[in-house]
Amino acid sequence: MRRWFGRVLLVPVVVAVSACGQSDPFLPTGPTTPPTVRSDTFSGILTKNSAYTHPFTVADAGAVSVFLLSSADPAHPENNAIPLGVSLGTWNGTSCAIVIASDNTVPVNSDDPLKGKLAGQATAAGNLCVRVYDVGFVPAASTYELLIDHY
């Protein structure tokens, strides 16, 4: 009886040990490459009380960063850091549904790289939009340039 009981206990142990050498079919079989960071640049001229929306497409979920690179008054070159409103949202083909907004964005600079940056997260591939607008500081006309990094 002991020999038979010992053999019965030995069978599950042998099966479990032999299964340890098998690979999991759900694990990746090769190296995975991270998604590629893509960049879009938009520029234009803002007049007093105006706004512009720029749609763009993200191919993967991940971080979305909007940088205000410049905002300047061409008539007065010394006025080269005009605060603007910058917002990020989803694009439905007609309008921009704002998700994140900053109503006092100044251009990025080397002293503080976080100034001029608006950051969000895309949960899936899809259509997004960035909106730039006057918040009361734009003279007759100002130029702006935006850089968007996304996946």
N, C-alpha and C. Protein backbone atom coordinates (compact mmCIF):
# COMPACT_ATOMS: atom_id res chain seq x y z
N MET A 1 0.81 -1.18 0.00
CA MET A 1 0.00 0.00 0.00
C MET A 1 0.87 1.25 0.00
N ARG A 2 1.98 1.24 0.78
CA ARG A 2 2.86 2.40 0.83
C ARG A 2 3.49 2.67 -0.52
N ARG A 3 3.93 1.64 -1.22
CA ARG A 3 4.56 1.83 -2.53
C ARG A 3 3.55 2.45 -3.50
N TRP A 4 2.34 1.96 -3.53
CA TRP A 4 1.33 2.49 -4.44
C TRP A 4 1.01 3.95 -4.11
N PHE A 5 0.88 4.28 -2.81
CA PHE A 5 0.59 5.64 -2.38
C PHE A 5 1.75 6.57 -2.74
N GLY A 6 2.99 6.11 -2.59
CA GLY A 6 4.17 6.90 -2.93
C GLY A 6 4.24 7.18 -4.42
N ARG A 7 3.89 6.20 -5.25
CA ARG A 7 3.90 6.40 -6.69
C ARG A 7 2.81 7.38 -7.12
N VAL A 8 1.67 7.35 -6.48
CA VAL A 8 0.58 8.25 -6.81
C VAL A 8 1.00 9.70 -6.50
N LEU A 9 1.70 9.91 -5.40
CA LEU A 9 2.17 11.25 -5.06
C LEU A 9 3.30 11.71 -5.98
N LEU A 10 4.09 10.80 -6.48
CA LEU A 10 5.22 11.13 -7.33
C LEU A 10 4.79 11.61 -8.71
N VAL A 11 3.68 11.14 -9.25
CA VAL A 11 3.22 11.51 -10.59
C VAL A 11 2.95 13.01 -10.70
N PRO A 12 2.20 13.68 -9.79
CA PRO A 12 2.00 15.13 -9.94
C PRO A 12 3.29 15.92 -9.82
N VAL A 13 4.23 15.46 -9.01
CA VAL A 13 5.50 16.18 -8.87
C VAL A 13 6.28 16.10 -10.17
N VAL A 14 6.33 14.96 -10.81
CA VAL A 14 7.04 14.80 -12.08
C VAL A 14 6.39 15.66 -13.16
N VAL A 15 5.08 15.70 -13.20
CA VAL A 15 4.37 16.51 -14.20
C VAL A 15 4.66 17.98 -13.97
N ALA A 16 4.65 18.44 -12.73
CA ALA A 16 4.91 19.85 -12.42
C ALA A 16 6.33 20.24 -12.78
N VAL A 17 7.29 19.41 -12.49
CA VAL A 17 8.69 19.71 -12.81
C VAL A 17 8.90 19.74 -14.32
N SER A 18 8.30 18.81 -15.05
CA SER A 18 8.49 18.80 -16.50
C SER A 18 7.82 20.00 -17.16
N ALA A 19 6.77 20.56 -16.57
CA ALA A 19 6.09 21.72 -17.13
C ALA A 19 6.90 23.00 -16.94
N CYS A 20 7.83 23.01 -16.00
CA CYS A 20 8.62 24.22 -15.74
C CYS A 20 9.51 24.59 -16.91
N GLY A 21 9.88 23.66 -17.73
CA GLY A 21 10.75 23.95 -18.86
C GLY A 21 10.00 24.55 -20.05
N GLN A 22 8.69 24.54 -20.05
CA GLN A 22 7.93 25.06 -21.17
C GLN A 22 7.82 26.58 -21.07
N SER A 23 7.83 27.23 -22.23
CA SER A 23 7.70 28.69 -22.22
C SER A 23 6.23 29.07 -22.25
N ASP A 24 5.94 30.24 -21.70
CA ASP A 24 4.58 30.76 -21.66
C ASP A 24 4.21 31.29 -23.05
N PRO A 25 3.14 30.79 -23.67
CA PRO A 25 2.79 31.23 -25.02
C PRO A 25 2.31 32.68 -25.07
N PHE A 26 2.03 33.30 -23.93
CA PHE A 26 1.55 34.67 -23.90
C PHE A 26 2.65 35.70 -23.68
N LEU A 27 3.86 35.26 -23.40
CA LEU A 27 4.98 36.18 -23.24
C LEU A 27 5.54 36.53 -24.61
N PRO A 28 6.05 37.75 -24.78
CA PRO A 28 6.67 38.11 -26.07
C PRO A 28 7.87 37.21 -26.36
N THR A 29 8.03 36.85 -27.61
CA THR A 29 9.11 35.95 -27.98
C THR A 29 10.39 36.68 -28.39
N GLY A 30 10.29 37.95 -28.69
CA GLY A 30 11.47 38.70 -29.11
C GLY A 30 11.51 40.06 -28.44
N PRO A 31 12.52 40.81 -28.76
CA PRO A 31 12.59 42.14 -28.16
C PRO A 31 11.47 43.04 -28.69
N THR A 32 10.93 43.85 -27.81
CA THR A 32 9.89 44.78 -28.23
C THR A 32 10.50 46.16 -28.40
N THR A 33 10.05 46.86 -29.40
CA THR A 33 10.57 48.21 -29.64
C THR A 33 9.56 49.22 -29.11
N PRO A 34 10.05 50.24 -28.42
CA PRO A 34 9.13 51.26 -27.91
C PRO A 34 8.54 52.06 -29.06
N PRO A 35 7.37 52.67 -28.85
CA PRO A 35 6.78 53.48 -29.91
C PRO A 35 7.68 54.67 -30.24
N THR A 36 7.57 55.15 -31.44
CA THR A 36 8.38 56.27 -31.91
C THR A 36 7.74 57.59 -31.50
N VAL A 37 8.55 58.49 -30.97
CA VAL A 37 8.06 59.83 -30.64
C VAL A 37 7.92 60.60 -31.94
N ARG A 38 6.77 61.20 -32.13
CA ARG A 38 6.50 62.00 -33.32
C ARG A 38 6.35 63.45 -32.90
N SER A 39 6.67 64.35 -33.81
CA SER A 39 6.56 65.79 -33.52
C SER A 39 5.77 66.49 -34.60
N ASP A 40 4.95 67.42 -34.17
CA ASP A 40 4.22 68.29 -35.09
C ASP A 40 4.53 69.73 -34.68
N THR A 41 4.67 70.60 -35.67
CA THR A 41 4.92 72.01 -35.40
C THR A 41 3.82 72.82 -36.07
N PHE A 42 3.29 73.78 -35.32
CA PHE A 42 2.26 74.68 -35.83
C PHE A 42 2.69 76.10 -35.55
N SER A 43 2.40 76.98 -36.48
CA SER A 43 2.70 78.40 -36.28
C SER A 43 1.62 79.22 -36.93
N GLY A 44 1.57 80.49 -36.53
CA GLY A 44 0.56 81.36 -37.10
C GLY A 44 0.65 82.75 -36.51
N ILE A 45 -0.37 83.52 -36.80
CA ILE A 45 -0.46 84.89 -36.30
C ILE A 45 -1.74 85.01 -35.50
N LEU A 46 -1.60 85.45 -34.26
CA LEU A 46 -2.77 85.72 -33.41
C LEU A 46 -3.03 87.21 -33.39
N THR A 47 -4.26 87.58 -33.54
CA THR A 47 -4.65 88.97 -33.37
C THR A 47 -5.38 89.10 -32.04
N LYS A 48 -5.64 90.30 -31.64
CA LYS A 48 -6.32 90.54 -30.37
C LYS A 48 -7.65 89.76 -30.33
N ASN A 49 -7.87 89.03 -29.24
CA ASN A 49 -9.10 88.24 -28.99
C ASN A 49 -9.31 87.08 -29.96
N SER A 50 -8.28 86.64 -30.64
CA SER A 50 -8.46 85.53 -31.59
C SER A 50 -7.96 84.22 -30.99
N ALA A 51 -8.26 83.13 -31.69
CA ALA A 51 -7.83 81.79 -31.29
C ALA A 51 -7.73 80.92 -32.53
N TYR A 52 -6.83 79.95 -32.48
CA TYR A 52 -6.69 78.99 -33.58
C TYR A 52 -6.60 77.59 -33.00
N THR A 53 -7.22 76.65 -33.68
CA THR A 53 -7.18 75.24 -33.29
C THR A 53 -6.43 74.46 -34.35
N HIS A 54 -5.50 73.62 -33.90
CA HIS A 54 -4.70 72.80 -34.81
C HIS A 54 -4.93 71.32 -34.46
N PRO A 55 -5.66 70.57 -35.31
CA PRO A 55 -5.84 69.14 -35.07
C PRO A 55 -4.58 68.35 -35.45
N PHE A 56 -4.37 67.24 -34.77
CA PHE A 56 -3.29 66.32 -35.10
C PHE A 56 -3.68 64.92 -34.64
N THR A 57 -2.98 63.92 -35.14
CA THR A 57 -3.31 62.53 -34.85
C THR A 57 -2.19 61.87 -34.07
N VAL A 58 -2.56 61.11 -33.03
CA VAL A 58 -1.58 60.30 -32.29
C VAL A 58 -1.77 58.85 -32.71
N ALA A 59 -0.65 58.16 -32.89
CA ALA A 59 -0.70 56.77 -33.36
C ALA A 59 -0.76 55.76 -32.23
N ASP A 60 -0.32 56.16 -31.02
CA ASP A 60 -0.28 55.26 -29.87
C ASP A 60 -0.65 56.01 -28.61
N ALA A 61 -1.03 55.28 -27.60
CA ALA A 61 -1.25 55.87 -26.28
C ALA A 61 0.10 56.33 -25.73
N GLY A 62 0.07 57.34 -24.91
CA GLY A 62 1.31 57.81 -24.29
C GLY A 62 1.28 59.30 -24.01
N ALA A 63 2.40 59.80 -23.59
CA ALA A 63 2.52 61.21 -23.22
C ALA A 63 2.36 62.11 -24.43
N VAL A 64 1.72 63.25 -24.20
CA VAL A 64 1.57 64.29 -25.21
C VAL A 64 2.06 65.58 -24.56
N SER A 65 3.06 66.21 -25.16
CA SER A 65 3.62 67.45 -24.62
C SER A 65 3.51 68.55 -25.66
N VAL A 66 2.99 69.69 -25.22
CA VAL A 66 2.86 70.86 -26.08
C VAL A 66 3.82 71.92 -25.55
N PHE A 67 4.67 72.43 -26.42
CA PHE A 67 5.63 73.47 -26.05
C PHE A 67 5.33 74.73 -26.83
N LEU A 68 5.19 75.85 -26.13
CA LEU A 68 5.10 77.14 -26.80
C LEU A 68 6.53 77.59 -27.04
N LEU A 69 6.97 77.51 -28.29
CA LEU A 69 8.36 77.85 -28.62
C LEU A 69 8.58 79.35 -28.70
N SER A 70 7.59 80.06 -29.24
CA SER A 70 7.75 81.51 -29.35
C SER A 70 6.39 82.18 -29.43
N SER A 71 6.36 83.40 -28.95
CA SER A 71 5.20 84.28 -29.11
C SER A 71 5.77 85.69 -29.09
N ALA A 72 5.68 86.36 -30.22
CA ALA A 72 6.36 87.65 -30.36
C ALA A 72 5.51 88.65 -31.12
N ASP A 73 5.78 89.89 -30.85
CA ASP A 73 5.14 91.01 -31.54
C ASP A 73 6.10 91.48 -32.62
N PRO A 74 5.83 91.22 -33.91
CA PRO A 74 6.75 91.61 -34.98
C PRO A 74 7.01 93.11 -35.03
N ALA A 75 6.05 93.91 -34.60
CA ALA A 75 6.23 95.36 -34.62
C ALA A 75 7.17 95.84 -33.51
N HIS A 76 7.31 95.03 -32.46
CA HIS A 76 8.18 95.37 -31.33
C HIS A 76 8.99 94.12 -30.96
N PRO A 77 10.13 93.89 -31.60
CA PRO A 77 10.91 92.66 -31.38
C PRO A 77 11.30 92.42 -29.92
N GLU A 78 11.38 93.48 -29.12
CA GLU A 78 11.73 93.28 -27.71
C GLU A 78 10.59 92.61 -26.93
N ASN A 79 9.39 92.64 -27.48
CA ASN A 79 8.24 91.99 -26.87
C ASN A 79 8.14 90.57 -27.43
N ASN A 80 9.02 89.68 -26.93
CA ASN A 80 9.13 88.35 -27.53
C ASN A 80 8.72 87.21 -26.60
N ALA A 81 7.97 87.49 -25.57
CA ALA A 81 7.48 86.45 -24.67
C ALA A 81 6.07 86.80 -24.22
N ILE A 82 5.17 86.93 -25.17
CA ILE A 82 3.79 87.30 -24.88
C ILE A 82 3.06 86.10 -24.29
N PRO A 83 2.45 86.23 -23.11
CA PRO A 83 1.68 85.12 -22.55
C PRO A 83 0.47 84.81 -23.43
N LEU A 84 0.28 83.54 -23.69
CA LEU A 84 -0.85 83.07 -24.50
C LEU A 84 -1.58 81.96 -23.74
N GLY A 85 -2.79 81.70 -24.16
CA GLY A 85 -3.50 80.53 -23.67
C GLY A 85 -3.22 79.36 -24.59
N VAL A 86 -2.95 78.21 -24.01
CA VAL A 86 -2.70 76.99 -24.77
C VAL A 86 -3.52 75.87 -24.13
N SER A 87 -4.26 75.14 -24.94
CA SER A 87 -5.04 74.03 -24.42
C SER A 87 -4.90 72.81 -25.31
N LEU A 88 -5.15 71.66 -24.71
CA LEU A 88 -5.03 70.37 -25.38
C LEU A 88 -6.34 69.64 -25.19
N GLY A 89 -6.84 69.00 -26.25
CA GLY A 89 -8.11 68.30 -26.15
C GLY A 89 -8.28 67.25 -27.22
N THR A 90 -9.49 66.77 -27.34
CA THR A 90 -9.82 65.76 -28.36
C THR A 90 -10.55 66.45 -29.51
N TRP A 91 -10.26 65.98 -30.71
CA TRP A 91 -10.81 66.55 -31.94
C TRP A 91 -11.86 65.61 -32.49
N ASN A 92 -13.07 66.12 -32.75
CA ASN A 92 -14.14 65.28 -33.30
C ASN A 92 -14.39 65.55 -34.78
N GLY A 93 -13.51 66.34 -35.41
CA GLY A 93 -13.67 66.68 -36.81
C GLY A 93 -14.25 68.06 -37.02
N THR A 94 -14.85 68.60 -35.98
CA THR A 94 -15.46 69.92 -36.06
C THR A 94 -14.96 70.85 -34.96
N SER A 95 -14.83 70.32 -33.77
CA SER A 95 -14.45 71.17 -32.64
C SER A 95 -13.47 70.45 -31.71
N CYS A 96 -12.84 71.24 -30.87
CA CYS A 96 -11.84 70.75 -29.92
C CYS A 96 -12.48 70.71 -28.53
N ALA A 97 -12.64 69.53 -27.97
CA ALA A 97 -13.15 69.38 -26.60
C ALA A 97 -11.95 69.47 -25.65
N ILE A 98 -11.81 70.61 -24.99
CA ILE A 98 -10.64 70.89 -24.16
C ILE A 98 -10.59 69.94 -22.96
N VAL A 99 -9.40 69.39 -22.72
CA VAL A 99 -9.17 68.52 -21.57
C VAL A 99 -8.22 69.20 -20.58
N ILE A 100 -7.17 69.83 -21.09
CA ILE A 100 -6.18 70.52 -20.26
C ILE A 100 -5.96 71.91 -20.85
N ALA A 101 -5.90 72.91 -19.98
CA ALA A 101 -5.68 74.27 -20.47
C ALA A 101 -4.74 75.03 -19.54
N SER A 102 -3.99 75.93 -20.13
CA SER A 102 -3.14 76.85 -19.38
C SER A 102 -3.39 78.24 -19.96
N ASP A 103 -3.91 79.13 -19.13
CA ASP A 103 -4.26 80.46 -19.61
C ASP A 103 -3.14 81.48 -19.47
N ASN A 104 -1.96 81.03 -19.09
CA ASN A 104 -0.84 81.96 -18.95
C ASN A 104 0.46 81.25 -19.31
N THR A 105 0.59 80.86 -20.56
CA THR A 105 1.76 80.13 -21.03
C THR A 105 2.72 81.10 -21.69
N VAL A 106 3.96 81.06 -21.25
CA VAL A 106 5.01 81.86 -21.87
C VAL A 106 5.95 80.91 -22.60
N PRO A 107 6.70 81.40 -23.58
CA PRO A 107 7.59 80.50 -24.34
C PRO A 107 8.62 79.81 -23.44
N VAL A 108 9.00 78.60 -23.87
CA VAL A 108 10.01 77.83 -23.14
C VAL A 108 11.32 78.61 -23.15
N ASN A 109 12.10 78.43 -22.10
CA ASN A 109 13.42 79.04 -22.07
C ASN A 109 14.38 78.10 -21.36
N SER A 110 15.66 78.36 -21.50
CA SER A 110 16.67 77.47 -20.93
C SER A 110 16.73 77.56 -19.42
N ASP A 111 16.27 78.69 -18.83
CA ASP A 111 16.30 78.83 -17.38
C ASP A 111 15.30 77.92 -16.70
N ASP A 112 14.15 77.76 -17.27
CA ASP A 112 13.10 76.92 -16.71
C ASP A 112 12.40 76.16 -17.84
N PRO A 113 12.88 74.93 -18.16
CA PRO A 113 12.32 74.20 -19.30
C PRO A 113 10.86 73.80 -19.12
N LEU A 114 10.32 73.86 -17.89
CA LEU A 114 8.92 73.51 -17.70
C LEU A 114 7.99 74.66 -18.06
N LYS A 115 8.53 75.87 -18.09
CA LYS A 115 7.71 76.98 -18.55
C LYS A 115 7.43 76.78 -20.03
N GLY A 116 6.24 77.06 -20.41
CA GLY A 116 5.89 76.92 -21.82
C GLY A 116 5.50 75.52 -22.22
N LYS A 117 5.37 74.62 -21.23
CA LYS A 117 5.02 73.23 -21.53
C LYS A 117 3.66 72.90 -20.96
N LEU A 118 2.85 72.23 -21.76
CA LEU A 118 1.56 71.70 -21.33
C LEU A 118 1.62 70.20 -21.59
N ALA A 119 1.40 69.38 -20.56
CA ALA A 119 1.57 67.94 -20.71
C ALA A 119 0.27 67.21 -20.41
N GLY A 120 0.02 66.18 -21.21
CA GLY A 120 -1.16 65.35 -21.02
C GLY A 120 -0.84 63.91 -21.38
N GLN A 121 -1.87 63.09 -21.41
CA GLN A 121 -1.70 61.66 -21.68
C GLN A 121 -2.79 61.22 -22.64
N ALA A 122 -2.40 60.64 -23.76
CA ALA A 122 -3.37 60.03 -24.68
C ALA A 122 -3.59 58.60 -24.23
N THR A 123 -4.84 58.21 -24.05
CA THR A 123 -5.14 56.86 -23.59
C THR A 123 -5.22 55.86 -24.74
N ALA A 124 -5.28 56.35 -25.96
CA ALA A 124 -5.35 55.48 -27.14
C ALA A 124 -5.00 56.31 -28.37
N ALA A 125 -4.79 55.64 -29.47
CA ALA A 125 -4.59 56.35 -30.73
C ALA A 125 -5.85 57.12 -31.07
N GLY A 126 -5.69 58.27 -31.72
CA GLY A 126 -6.87 59.04 -32.08
C GLY A 126 -6.54 60.45 -32.50
N ASN A 127 -7.56 61.26 -32.57
CA ASN A 127 -7.43 62.65 -33.02
C ASN A 127 -7.46 63.60 -31.82
N LEU A 128 -6.43 64.39 -31.72
CA LEU A 128 -6.32 65.39 -30.67
C LEU A 128 -6.23 66.77 -31.31
N CYS A 129 -6.22 67.80 -30.47
CA CYS A 129 -6.11 69.16 -30.97
C CYS A 129 -5.41 70.02 -29.93
N VAL A 130 -4.74 71.04 -30.43
CA VAL A 130 -4.13 72.05 -29.58
C VAL A 130 -4.75 73.38 -29.99
N ARG A 131 -5.08 74.17 -29.01
CA ARG A 131 -5.72 75.46 -29.27
C ARG A 131 -4.85 76.53 -28.63
N VAL A 132 -4.58 77.59 -29.38
CA VAL A 132 -3.80 78.71 -28.89
C VAL A 132 -4.70 79.95 -28.99
N TYR A 133 -4.66 80.79 -27.94
CA TYR A 133 -5.61 81.90 -27.91
C TYR A 133 -5.06 83.08 -27.12
N ASP A 134 -5.59 84.25 -27.43
CA ASP A 134 -5.23 85.48 -26.73
C ASP A 134 -5.92 85.49 -25.37
N VAL A 135 -5.15 85.82 -24.34
CA VAL A 135 -5.72 85.94 -22.99
C VAL A 135 -5.63 87.39 -22.51
N GLY A 136 -5.51 88.31 -23.48
CA GLY A 136 -5.52 89.72 -23.14
C GLY A 136 -4.18 90.43 -23.29
N PHE A 137 -3.13 89.73 -23.72
CA PHE A 137 -1.81 90.34 -23.83
C PHE A 137 -1.35 90.54 -25.27
N VAL A 138 -2.08 90.01 -26.23
CA VAL A 138 -1.67 90.11 -27.63
C VAL A 138 -1.95 91.51 -28.14
N PRO A 139 -0.92 92.17 -28.69
CA PRO A 139 -1.17 93.46 -29.32
C PRO A 139 -1.90 93.24 -30.65
N ALA A 140 -1.80 94.13 -31.57
CA ALA A 140 -2.51 94.04 -32.85
C ALA A 140 -2.31 92.67 -33.50
N ALA A 141 -1.10 92.17 -33.52
CA ALA A 141 -0.82 90.85 -34.10
C ALA A 141 0.46 90.30 -33.48
N SER A 142 0.46 89.00 -33.21
CA SER A 142 1.63 88.33 -32.64
C SER A 142 1.83 87.01 -33.36
N THR A 143 3.06 86.66 -33.58
CA THR A 143 3.36 85.35 -34.16
C THR A 143 3.54 84.35 -33.03
N TYR A 144 3.26 83.08 -33.32
CA TYR A 144 3.48 82.02 -32.33
C TYR A 144 3.97 80.78 -33.06
N GLU A 145 4.63 79.92 -32.30
CA GLU A 145 5.06 78.62 -32.81
C GLU A 145 4.91 77.61 -31.69
N LEU A 146 4.26 76.48 -32.01
CA LEU A 146 4.03 75.39 -31.07
C LEU A 146 4.72 74.13 -31.57
N LEU A 147 5.24 73.34 -30.64
CA LEU A 147 5.80 72.02 -30.94
C LEU A 147 5.03 71.01 -30.09
N ILE A 148 4.54 69.95 -30.73
CA ILE A 148 3.83 68.89 -30.01
C ILE A 148 4.60 67.59 -30.19
N ASP A 149 4.98 66.97 -29.08
CA ASP A 149 5.62 65.65 -29.08
C ASP A 149 4.58 64.64 -28.60
N HIS A 150 4.46 63.53 -29.33
CA HIS A 150 3.47 62.50 -28.98
C HIS A 150 3.91 61.19 -29.60
N TYR A 151 3.14 60.14 -29.33
CA TYR A 151 3.42 58.81 -29.88
C TYR A 151 2.44 58.48 -30.97
